[in-house]
């Protein structure tokens, strides 16, 4: 048996956002959903998994060989890139 689909309210609770944000994602076509009757929205579990996988990033940073092993690395997020620098 398939797991029950989410409502905008239950998905908002899972994601820590508002139900209106979930509805906006559906309206923009970023999250798949279906209607039951004219008003009730439901979001399939598979659509939630797909959205979460697509919108979750994992950062992997390796230590440059030029830095000593005991020196901390400072990560600076810039609009277009991730920059590494030595601590001051």
PDB file of N, CA and C in Angstrom:
ATOM      1  N   UNK A   1       0.834  -1.183   0.000  1.00  0.00           N
ATOM      2  CA  UNK A   1       0.000   0.000   0.000  1.00  0.00           C
ATOM      3  C   UNK A   1       0.883   1.253   0.000  1.00  0.00           C
ATOM      4  N   UNK A   2       0.560   2.202  -0.851  1.00  0.00           N
ATOM      5  CA  UNK A   2       1.323   3.443  -0.933  1.00  0.00           C
ATOM      6  C   UNK A   2       1.090   4.302   0.308  1.00  0.00           C
ATOM      7  N   UNK A   3       2.155   5.016   0.744  1.00  0.00           N
ATOM      8  CA  UNK A   3       1.959   5.941   1.864  1.00  0.00           C
ATOM      9  C   UNK A   3       0.975   7.047   1.479  1.00  0.00           C
ATOM     10  N   UNK A   4       0.309   7.594   2.464  1.00  0.00           N
ATOM     11  CA  UNK A   4      -0.683   8.650   2.212  1.00  0.00           C
ATOM     12  C   UNK A   4       0.012   9.914   1.732  1.00  0.00           C
ATOM     13  N   UNK A   5      -0.598  10.610   0.791  1.00  0.00           N
ATOM     14  CA  UNK A   5      -0.003  11.877   0.324  1.00  0.00           C
ATOM     15  C   UNK A   5      -0.089  12.950   1.399  1.00  0.00           C
ATOM     16  N   UNK A   6       0.759  13.949   1.260  1.00  0.00           N
ATOM     17  CA  UNK A   6       0.785  15.075   2.192  1.00  0.00           C
ATOM     18  C   UNK A   6      -0.283  16.098   1.840  1.00  0.00           C
ATOM     19  N   UNK A   7      -0.733  16.813   2.830  1.00  0.00           N
ATOM     20  CA  UNK A   7      -1.514  18.032   2.604  1.00  0.00           C
ATOM     21  C   UNK A   7      -0.518  19.177   2.649  1.00  0.00           C
ATOM     22  N   UNK A   8      -0.869  20.362   2.158  1.00  0.00           N
ATOM     23  CA  UNK A   8       0.055  21.500   2.302  1.00  0.00           C
ATOM     24  C   UNK A   8       0.415  21.751   3.771  1.00  0.00           C
ATOM     25  N   UNK A   9      -0.528  21.513   4.673  1.00  0.00           N
ATOM     26  CA  UNK A   9      -0.271  21.741   6.100  1.00  0.00           C
ATOM     27  C   UNK A   9       0.724  20.728   6.670  1.00  0.00           C
ATOM     28  N   UNK A  10       0.546  19.447   6.343  1.00  0.00           N
ATOM     29  CA  UNK A  10       1.455  18.436   6.891  1.00  0.00           C
ATOM     30  C   UNK A  10       2.849  18.554   6.288  1.00  0.00           C
ATOM     31  N   UNK A  11       2.924  18.912   5.006  1.00  0.00           N
ATOM     32  CA  UNK A  11       4.236  19.089   4.380  1.00  0.00           C
ATOM     33  C   UNK A  11       4.935  20.327   4.936  1.00  0.00           C
ATOM     34  N   UNK A  12       4.180  21.380   5.178  1.00  0.00           N
ATOM     35  CA  UNK A  12       4.755  22.596   5.776  1.00  0.00           C
ATOM     36  C   UNK A  12       5.325  22.286   7.158  1.00  0.00           C
ATOM     37  N   UNK A  13       4.643  21.467   7.911  1.00  0.00           N
ATOM     38  CA  UNK A  13       5.132  21.072   9.232  1.00  0.00           C
ATOM     39  C   UNK A  13       6.442  20.296   9.104  1.00  0.00           C
ATOM     40  N   UNK A  14       6.516  19.389   8.132  1.00  0.00           N
ATOM     41  CA  UNK A  14       7.730  18.598   7.900  1.00  0.00           C
ATOM     42  C   UNK A  14       8.897  19.493   7.524  1.00  0.00           C
ATOM     43  N   UNK A  15       8.634  20.490   6.664  1.00  0.00           N
ATOM     44  CA  UNK A  15       9.696  21.357   6.158  1.00  0.00           C
ATOM     45  C   UNK A  15       9.951  22.585   7.026  1.00  0.00           C
ATOM     46  N   UNK A  16       9.097  22.847   7.985  1.00  0.00           N
ATOM     47  CA  UNK A  16       9.280  24.020   8.828  1.00  0.00           C
ATOM     48  C   UNK A  16       9.001  25.331   8.098  1.00  0.00           C
ATOM     49  N   UNK A  17       7.993  25.315   7.244  1.00  0.00           N
ATOM     50  CA  UNK A  17       7.604  26.525   6.514  1.00  0.00           C
ATOM     51  C   UNK A  17       6.093  26.700   6.665  1.00  0.00           C
ATOM     52  N   UNK A  18       5.517  27.590   5.897  1.00  0.00           N
ATOM     53  CA  UNK A  18       4.074  27.802   5.976  1.00  0.00           C
ATOM     54  C   UNK A  18       3.354  26.999   4.882  1.00  0.00           C
ATOM     55  N   UNK A  19       2.095  26.663   5.112  1.00  0.00           N
ATOM     56  CA  UNK A  19       1.319  26.003   4.058  1.00  0.00           C
ATOM     57  C   UNK A  19       1.234  26.863   2.787  1.00  0.00           C
ATOM     58  N   UNK A  20       1.212  28.185   2.950  1.00  0.00           N
ATOM     59  CA  UNK A  20       1.179  29.061   1.770  1.00  0.00           C
ATOM     60  C   UNK A  20       2.444  28.928   0.931  1.00  0.00           C
ATOM     61  N   UNK A  21       3.591  28.698   1.574  1.00  0.00           N
ATOM     62  CA  UNK A  21       4.829  28.490   0.811  1.00  0.00           C
ATOM     63  C   UNK A  21       4.734  27.204  -0.013  1.00  0.00           C
ATOM     64  N   UNK A  22       4.185  26.150   0.591  1.00  0.00           N
ATOM     65  CA  UNK A  22       4.005  24.890  -0.140  1.00  0.00           C
ATOM     66  C   UNK A  22       3.064  25.115  -1.323  1.00  0.00           C
ATOM     67  N   UNK A  23       1.982  25.832  -1.102  1.00  0.00           N
ATOM     68  CA  UNK A  23       1.032  26.119  -2.199  1.00  0.00           C
ATOM     69  C   UNK A  23       1.705  26.941  -3.302  1.00  0.00           C
ATOM     70  N   UNK A  24       2.575  27.868  -2.925  1.00  0.00           N
ATOM     71  CA  UNK A  24       3.290  28.679  -3.926  1.00  0.00           C
ATOM     72  C   UNK A  24       4.217  27.800  -4.766  1.00  0.00           C
ATOM     73  N   UNK A  25       4.889  26.839  -4.143  1.00  0.00           N
ATOM     74  CA  UNK A  25       5.747  25.909  -4.897  1.00  0.00           C
ATOM     75  C   UNK A  25       4.922  25.113  -5.897  1.00  0.00           C
ATOM     76  N   UNK A  26       3.732  24.702  -5.490  1.00  0.00           N
ATOM     77  CA  UNK A  26       2.833  23.959  -6.383  1.00  0.00           C
ATOM     78  C   UNK A  26       2.382  24.863  -7.525  1.00  0.00           C
ATOM     79  N   UNK A  27       1.982  26.072  -7.205  1.00  0.00           N
ATOM     80  CA  UNK A  27       1.496  27.015  -8.223  1.00  0.00           C
ATOM     81  C   UNK A  27       2.570  27.326  -9.266  1.00  0.00           C
ATOM     82  N   UNK A  28       3.833  27.442  -8.809  1.00  0.00           N
ATOM     83  CA  UNK A  28       4.952  27.726  -9.731  1.00  0.00           C
ATOM     84  C   UNK A  28       5.399  26.491 -10.505  1.00  0.00           C
ATOM     85  N   UNK A  29       4.841  25.322 -10.174  1.00  0.00           N
ATOM     86  CA  UNK A  29       5.205  24.099 -10.881  1.00  0.00           C
ATOM     87  C   UNK A  29       6.483  23.455 -10.362  1.00  0.00           C
ATOM     88  N   UNK A  30       6.968  23.888  -9.208  1.00  0.00           N
ATOM     89  CA  UNK A  30       8.192  23.337  -8.642  1.00  0.00           C
ATOM     90  C   UNK A  30       7.928  22.076  -7.826  1.00  0.00           C
ATOM     91  N   UNK A  31       6.683  21.868  -7.437  1.00  0.00           N
ATOM     92  CA  UNK A  31       6.290  20.709  -6.643  1.00  0.00           C
ATOM     93  C   UNK A  31       5.005  20.149  -7.240  1.00  0.00           C
ATOM     94  N   UNK A  32       5.000  18.858  -7.524  1.00  0.00           N
ATOM     95  CA  UNK A  32       3.817  18.223  -8.123  1.00  0.00           C
ATOM     96  C   UNK A  32       2.754  17.963  -7.063  1.00  0.00           C
ATOM     97  N   UNK A  33       1.514  18.139  -7.455  1.00  0.00           N
ATOM     98  CA  UNK A  33       0.379  17.891  -6.561  1.00  0.00           C
ATOM     99  C   UNK A  33      -0.833  17.537  -7.401  1.00  0.00           C
ATOM    100  N   UNK A  34      -1.856  17.054  -6.736  1.00  0.00           N
ATOM    101  CA  UNK A  34      -3.124  16.768  -7.414  1.00  0.00           C
ATOM    102  C   UNK A  34      -4.263  17.243  -6.535  1.00  0.00           C
ATOM    103  N   UNK A  35      -5.417  17.387  -7.122  1.00  0.00           N
ATOM    104  CA  UNK A  35      -6.597  17.852  -6.395  1.00  0.00           C
ATOM    105  C   UNK A  35      -7.567  16.701  -6.170  1.00  0.00           C
ATOM    106  N   UNK A  36      -8.220  16.779  -5.021  1.00  0.00           N
ATOM    107  CA  UNK A  36      -9.344  15.897  -4.723  1.00  0.00           C
ATOM    108  C   UNK A  36     -10.544  16.832  -4.672  1.00  0.00           C
ATOM    109  N   UNK A  37     -11.364  16.763  -5.687  1.00  0.00           N
ATOM    110  CA  UNK A  37     -12.465  17.714  -5.781  1.00  0.00           C
ATOM    111  C   UNK A  37     -11.925  19.076  -6.194  1.00  0.00           C
ATOM    112  N   UNK A  38     -12.700  20.103  -6.028  1.00  0.00           N
ATOM    113  CA  UNK A  38     -12.278  21.422  -6.503  1.00  0.00           C
ATOM    114  C   UNK A  38     -11.282  22.145  -5.582  1.00  0.00           C
ATOM    115  N   UNK A  39     -11.134  21.704  -4.337  1.00  0.00           N
ATOM    116  CA  UNK A  39     -10.346  22.494  -3.395  1.00  0.00           C
ATOM    117  C   UNK A  39      -9.179  21.777  -2.735  1.00  0.00           C
ATOM    118  N   UNK A  40      -9.300  20.501  -2.443  1.00  0.00           N
ATOM    119  CA  UNK A  40      -8.288  19.808  -1.634  1.00  0.00           C
ATOM    120  C   UNK A  40      -7.045  19.463  -2.435  1.00  0.00           C
ATOM    121  N   UNK A  41      -5.899  19.926  -1.960  1.00  0.00           N
ATOM    122  CA  UNK A  41      -4.614  19.616  -2.586  1.00  0.00           C
ATOM    123  C   UNK A  41      -3.935  18.480  -1.845  1.00  0.00           C
ATOM    124  N   UNK A  42      -3.294  17.595  -2.597  1.00  0.00           N
ATOM    125  CA  UNK A  42      -2.501  16.520  -2.007  1.00  0.00           C
ATOM    126  C   UNK A  42      -1.187  16.429  -2.768  1.00  0.00           C
ATOM    127  N   UNK A  43      -0.124  16.149  -2.031  1.00  0.00           N
ATOM    128  CA  UNK A  43       1.214  16.058  -2.619  1.00  0.00           C
ATOM    129  C   UNK A  43       1.706  14.627  -2.431  1.00  0.00           C
ATOM    130  N   UNK A  44       1.965  13.906  -3.529  1.00  0.00           N
ATOM    131  CA  UNK A  44       2.422  12.519  -3.412  1.00  0.00           C
ATOM    132  C   UNK A  44       3.778  12.429  -2.702  1.00  0.00           C
ATOM    133  N   UNK A  45       3.970  11.361  -1.951  1.00  0.00           N
ATOM    134  CA  UNK A  45       5.227  11.142  -1.230  1.00  0.00           C
ATOM    135  C   UNK A  45       6.405  11.134  -2.201  1.00  0.00           C
ATOM    136  N   UNK A  46       6.247  10.509  -3.361  1.00  0.00           N
ATOM    137  CA  UNK A  46       7.330  10.476  -4.355  1.00  0.00           C
ATOM    138  C   UNK A  46       7.703  11.878  -4.836  1.00  0.00           C
ATOM    139  N   UNK A  47       6.715  12.756  -4.975  1.00  0.00           N
ATOM    140  CA  UNK A  47       6.993  14.132  -5.398  1.00  0.00           C
ATOM    141  C   UNK A  47       7.784  14.873  -4.321  1.00  0.00           C
ATOM    142  N   UNK A  48       7.473  14.595  -3.056  1.00  0.00           N
ATOM    143  CA  UNK A  48       8.209  15.224  -1.950  1.00  0.00           C
ATOM    144  C   UNK A  48       9.653  14.734  -1.945  1.00  0.00           C
ATOM    145  N   UNK A  49       9.852  13.438  -2.082  1.00  0.00           N
ATOM    146  CA  UNK A  49      11.212  12.876  -2.115  1.00  0.00           C
ATOM    147  C   UNK A  49      12.014  13.466  -3.267  1.00  0.00           C
ATOM    148  N   UNK A  50      11.392  13.555  -4.441  1.00  0.00           N
ATOM    149  CA  UNK A  50      12.067  14.104  -5.617  1.00  0.00           C
ATOM    150  C   UNK A  50      12.443  15.567  -5.396  1.00  0.00           C
ATOM    151  N   UNK A  51      11.532  16.349  -4.835  1.00  0.00           N
ATOM    152  CA  UNK A  51      11.802  17.758  -4.570  1.00  0.00           C
ATOM    153  C   UNK A  51      12.937  17.904  -3.563  1.00  0.00           C
ATOM    154  N   UNK A  52      12.912  17.110  -2.506  1.00  0.00           N
ATOM    155  CA  UNK A  52      13.948  17.191  -1.478  1.00  0.00           C
ATOM    156  C   UNK A  52      15.321  16.803  -2.032  1.00  0.00           C
ATOM    157  N   UNK A  53      15.373  15.766  -2.866  1.00  0.00           N
ATOM    158  CA  UNK A  53      16.646  15.355  -3.463  1.00  0.00           C
ATOM    159  C   UNK A  53      17.191  16.434  -4.393  1.00  0.00           C
ATOM    160  N   UNK A  54      16.307  17.045  -5.163  1.00  0.00           N
ATOM    161  CA  UNK A  54      16.711  18.078  -6.121  1.00  0.00           C
ATOM    162  C   UNK A  54      17.187  19.344  -5.415  1.00  0.00           C
ATOM    163  N   UNK A  55      16.604  19.645  -4.256  1.00  0.00           N
ATOM    164  CA  UNK A  55      16.880  20.913  -3.581  1.00  0.00           C
ATOM    165  C   UNK A  55      17.740  20.780  -2.337  1.00  0.00           C
ATOM    166  N   UNK A  56      18.399  19.652  -2.167  1.00  0.00           N
ATOM    167  CA  UNK A  56      19.316  19.456  -1.050  1.00  0.00           C
ATOM    168  C   UNK A  56      20.723  19.415  -1.616  1.00  0.00           C
ATOM    169  N   UNK A  57      21.580  20.235  -1.060  1.00  0.00           N
ATOM    170  CA  UNK A  57      22.968  20.243  -1.515  1.00  0.00           C
ATOM    171  C   UNK A  57      23.858  19.705  -0.420  1.00  0.00           C
ATOM    172  N   UNK A  58      24.901  19.028  -0.827  1.00  0.00           N
ATOM    173  CA  UNK A  58      25.881  18.524   0.116  1.00  0.00           C
ATOM    174  C   UNK A  58      27.220  19.123  -0.271  1.00  0.00           C
ATOM    175  N   UNK A  59      27.834  19.801   0.665  1.00  0.00           N
ATOM    176  CA  UNK A  59      29.128  20.416   0.398  1.00  0.00           C
ATOM    177  C   UNK A  59      30.234  19.474   0.824  1.00  0.00           C
ATOM    178  N   UNK A  60      31.186  19.295  -0.051  1.00  0.00           N
ATOM    179  CA  UNK A  60      32.369  18.509   0.269  1.00  0.00           C
ATOM    180  C   UNK A  60      33.575  19.408   0.055  1.00  0.00           C
ATOM    181  N   UNK A  61      34.340  19.598   1.101  1.00  0.00           N
ATOM    182  CA  UNK A  61      35.511  20.463   1.014  1.00  0.00           C
ATOM    183  C   UNK A  61      36.725  19.643   1.389  1.00  0.00           C
ATOM    184  N   UNK A  62      37.731  19.684   0.542  1.00  0.00           N
ATOM    185  CA  UNK A  62      38.971  19.007   0.882  1.00  0.00           C
ATOM    186  C   UNK A  62      40.021  20.060   1.203  1.00  0.00           C
ATOM    187  N   UNK A  63      40.923  19.720   2.090  1.00  0.00           N
ATOM    188  CA  UNK A  63      41.970  20.640   2.534  1.00  0.00           C
ATOM    189  C   UNK A  63      43.005  20.792   1.428  1.00  0.00           C
ATOM    190  N   UNK A  64      43.279  22.044   1.014  1.00  0.00           N
ATOM    191  CA  UNK A  64      44.338  22.258   0.027  1.00  0.00           C
ATOM    192  C   UNK A  64      45.682  21.809   0.590  1.00  0.00           C
ATOM    193  N   UNK A  65      46.516  21.236  -0.250  1.00  0.00           N
ATOM    194  CA  UNK A  65      47.822  20.738   0.185  1.00  0.00           C
ATOM    195  C   UNK A  65      48.696  21.853   0.733  1.00  0.00           C
ATOM    196  N   UNK A  66      48.441  23.091   0.333  1.00  0.00           N
ATOM    197  CA  UNK A  66      49.264  24.217   0.777  1.00  0.00           C
ATOM    198  C   UNK A  66      49.001  24.622   2.227  1.00  0.00           C
ATOM    199  N   UNK A  67      47.902  24.119   2.832  1.00  0.00           N
ATOM    200  CA  UNK A  67      47.586  24.474   4.220  1.00  0.00           C
ATOM    201  C   UNK A  67      48.097  23.394   5.174  1.00  0.00           C
ATOM    202  N   UNK A  68      48.729  23.820   6.265  1.00  0.00           N
ATOM    203  CA  UNK A  68      49.139  22.835   7.274  1.00  0.00           C
ATOM    204  C   UNK A  68      47.901  22.147   7.871  1.00  0.00           C
ATOM    205  N   UNK A  69      48.023  20.893   8.298  1.00  0.00           N
ATOM    206  CA  UNK A  69      46.867  20.139   8.787  1.00  0.00           C
ATOM    207  C   UNK A  69      46.193  20.733  10.019  1.00  0.00           C
ATOM    208  N   UNK A  70      46.937  21.511  10.830  1.00  0.00           N
ATOM    209  CA  UNK A  70      46.345  22.053  12.046  1.00  0.00           C
ATOM    210  C   UNK A  70      45.787  23.467  11.877  1.00  0.00           C
ATOM    211  N   UNK A  71      45.923  24.048  10.686  1.00  0.00           N
ATOM    212  CA  UNK A  71      45.420  25.406  10.462  1.00  0.00           C
ATOM    213  C   UNK A  71      43.951  25.360  10.056  1.00  0.00           C
ATOM    214  N   UNK A  72      43.108  26.158  10.729  1.00  0.00           N
ATOM    215  CA  UNK A  72      41.676  26.156  10.379  1.00  0.00           C
ATOM    216  C   UNK A  72      41.436  26.702   8.965  1.00  0.00           C
ATOM    217  N   UNK A  73      40.370  26.234   8.368  1.00  0.00           N
ATOM    218  CA  UNK A  73      39.957  26.720   7.049  1.00  0.00           C
ATOM    219  C   UNK A  73      38.730  27.604   7.252  1.00  0.00           C
ATOM    220  N   UNK A  74      38.732  28.752   6.608  1.00  0.00           N
ATOM    221  CA  UNK A  74      37.569  29.639   6.644  1.00  0.00           C
ATOM    222  C   UNK A  74      36.881  29.549   5.288  1.00  0.00           C
ATOM    223  N   UNK A  75      35.608  29.223   5.297  1.00  0.00           N
ATOM    224  CA  UNK A  75      34.824  29.155   4.068  1.00  0.00           C
ATOM    225  C   UNK A  75      34.062  30.459   3.917  1.00  0.00           C
ATOM    226  N   UNK A  76      34.177  31.070   2.754  1.00  0.00           N
ATOM    227  CA  UNK A  76      33.476  32.312   2.483  1.00  0.00           C
ATOM    228  C   UNK A  76      32.517  32.077   1.325  1.00  0.00           C
ATOM    229  N   UNK A  77      31.231  32.266   1.582  1.00  0.00           N
ATOM    230  CA  UNK A  77      30.235  32.113   0.529  1.00  0.00           C
ATOM    231  C   UNK A  77      30.088  33.431  -0.207  1.00  0.00           C
ATOM    232  N   UNK A  78      30.281  33.386  -1.501  1.00  0.00           N
ATOM    233  CA  UNK A  78      30.091  34.569  -2.338  1.00  0.00           C
ATOM    234  C   UNK A  78      28.953  34.260  -3.301  1.00  0.00           C
ATOM    235  N   UNK A  79      28.357  35.273  -3.925  1.00  0.00           N
ATOM    236  CA  UNK A  79      27.203  35.021  -4.785  1.00  0.00           C
ATOM    237  C   UNK A  79      27.443  33.961  -5.867  1.00  0.00           C
ATOM    238  N   UNK A  80      28.653  33.893  -6.416  1.00  0.00           N
ATOM    239  CA  UNK A  80      28.850  32.968  -7.522  1.00  0.00           C
ATOM    240  C   UNK A  80      29.739  31.781  -7.212  1.00  0.00           C
ATOM    241  N   UNK A  81      30.390  31.756  -6.064  1.00  0.00           N
ATOM    242  CA  UNK A  81      31.368  30.702  -5.842  1.00  0.00           C
ATOM    243  C   UNK A  81      31.625  30.494  -4.347  1.00  0.00           C
ATOM    244  N   UNK A  82      32.317  29.423  -4.078  1.00  0.00           N
ATOM    245  CA  UNK A  82      32.772  29.132  -2.739  1.00  0.00           C
ATOM    246  C   UNK A  82      34.276  29.358  -2.722  1.00  0.00           C
ATOM    247  N   UNK A  83      34.753  30.201  -1.845  1.00  0.00           N
ATOM    248  CA  UNK A  83      36.175  30.538  -1.807  1.00  0.00           C
ATOM    249  C   UNK A  83      36.784  30.003  -0.516  1.00  0.00           C
ATOM    250  N   UNK A  84      37.991  29.468  -0.617  1.00  0.00           N
ATOM    251  CA  UNK A  84      38.744  29.001   0.542  1.00  0.00           C
ATOM    252  C   UNK A  84      39.826  30.017   0.879  1.00  0.00           C
ATOM    253  N   UNK A  85      40.024  30.247   2.171  1.00  0.00           N
ATOM    254  CA  UNK A  85      41.113  31.135   2.562  1.00  0.00           C
ATOM    255  C   UNK A  85      41.677  30.671   3.884  1.00  0.00           C
ATOM    256  N   UNK A  86      42.900  31.117   4.178  1.00  0.00           N
ATOM    257  CA  UNK A  86      43.534  30.806   5.453  1.00  0.00           C
ATOM    258  C   UNK A  86      42.912  31.658   6.531  1.00  0.00           C
ATOM    259  N   UNK A  87      42.992  31.168   7.767  1.00  0.00           N
ATOM    260  CA  UNK A  87      42.514  31.984   8.874  1.00  0.00           C
ATOM    261  C   UNK A  87      43.484  33.138   9.087  1.00  0.00           C
ATOM    262  N   UNK A  88      42.997  34.192   9.720  1.00  0.00           N
ATOM    263  CA  UNK A  88      43.831  35.380   9.892  1.00  0.00           C
ATOM    264  C   UNK A  88      44.624  35.330  11.129  1.00  0.00           C
TER     265      UNK A  88
END
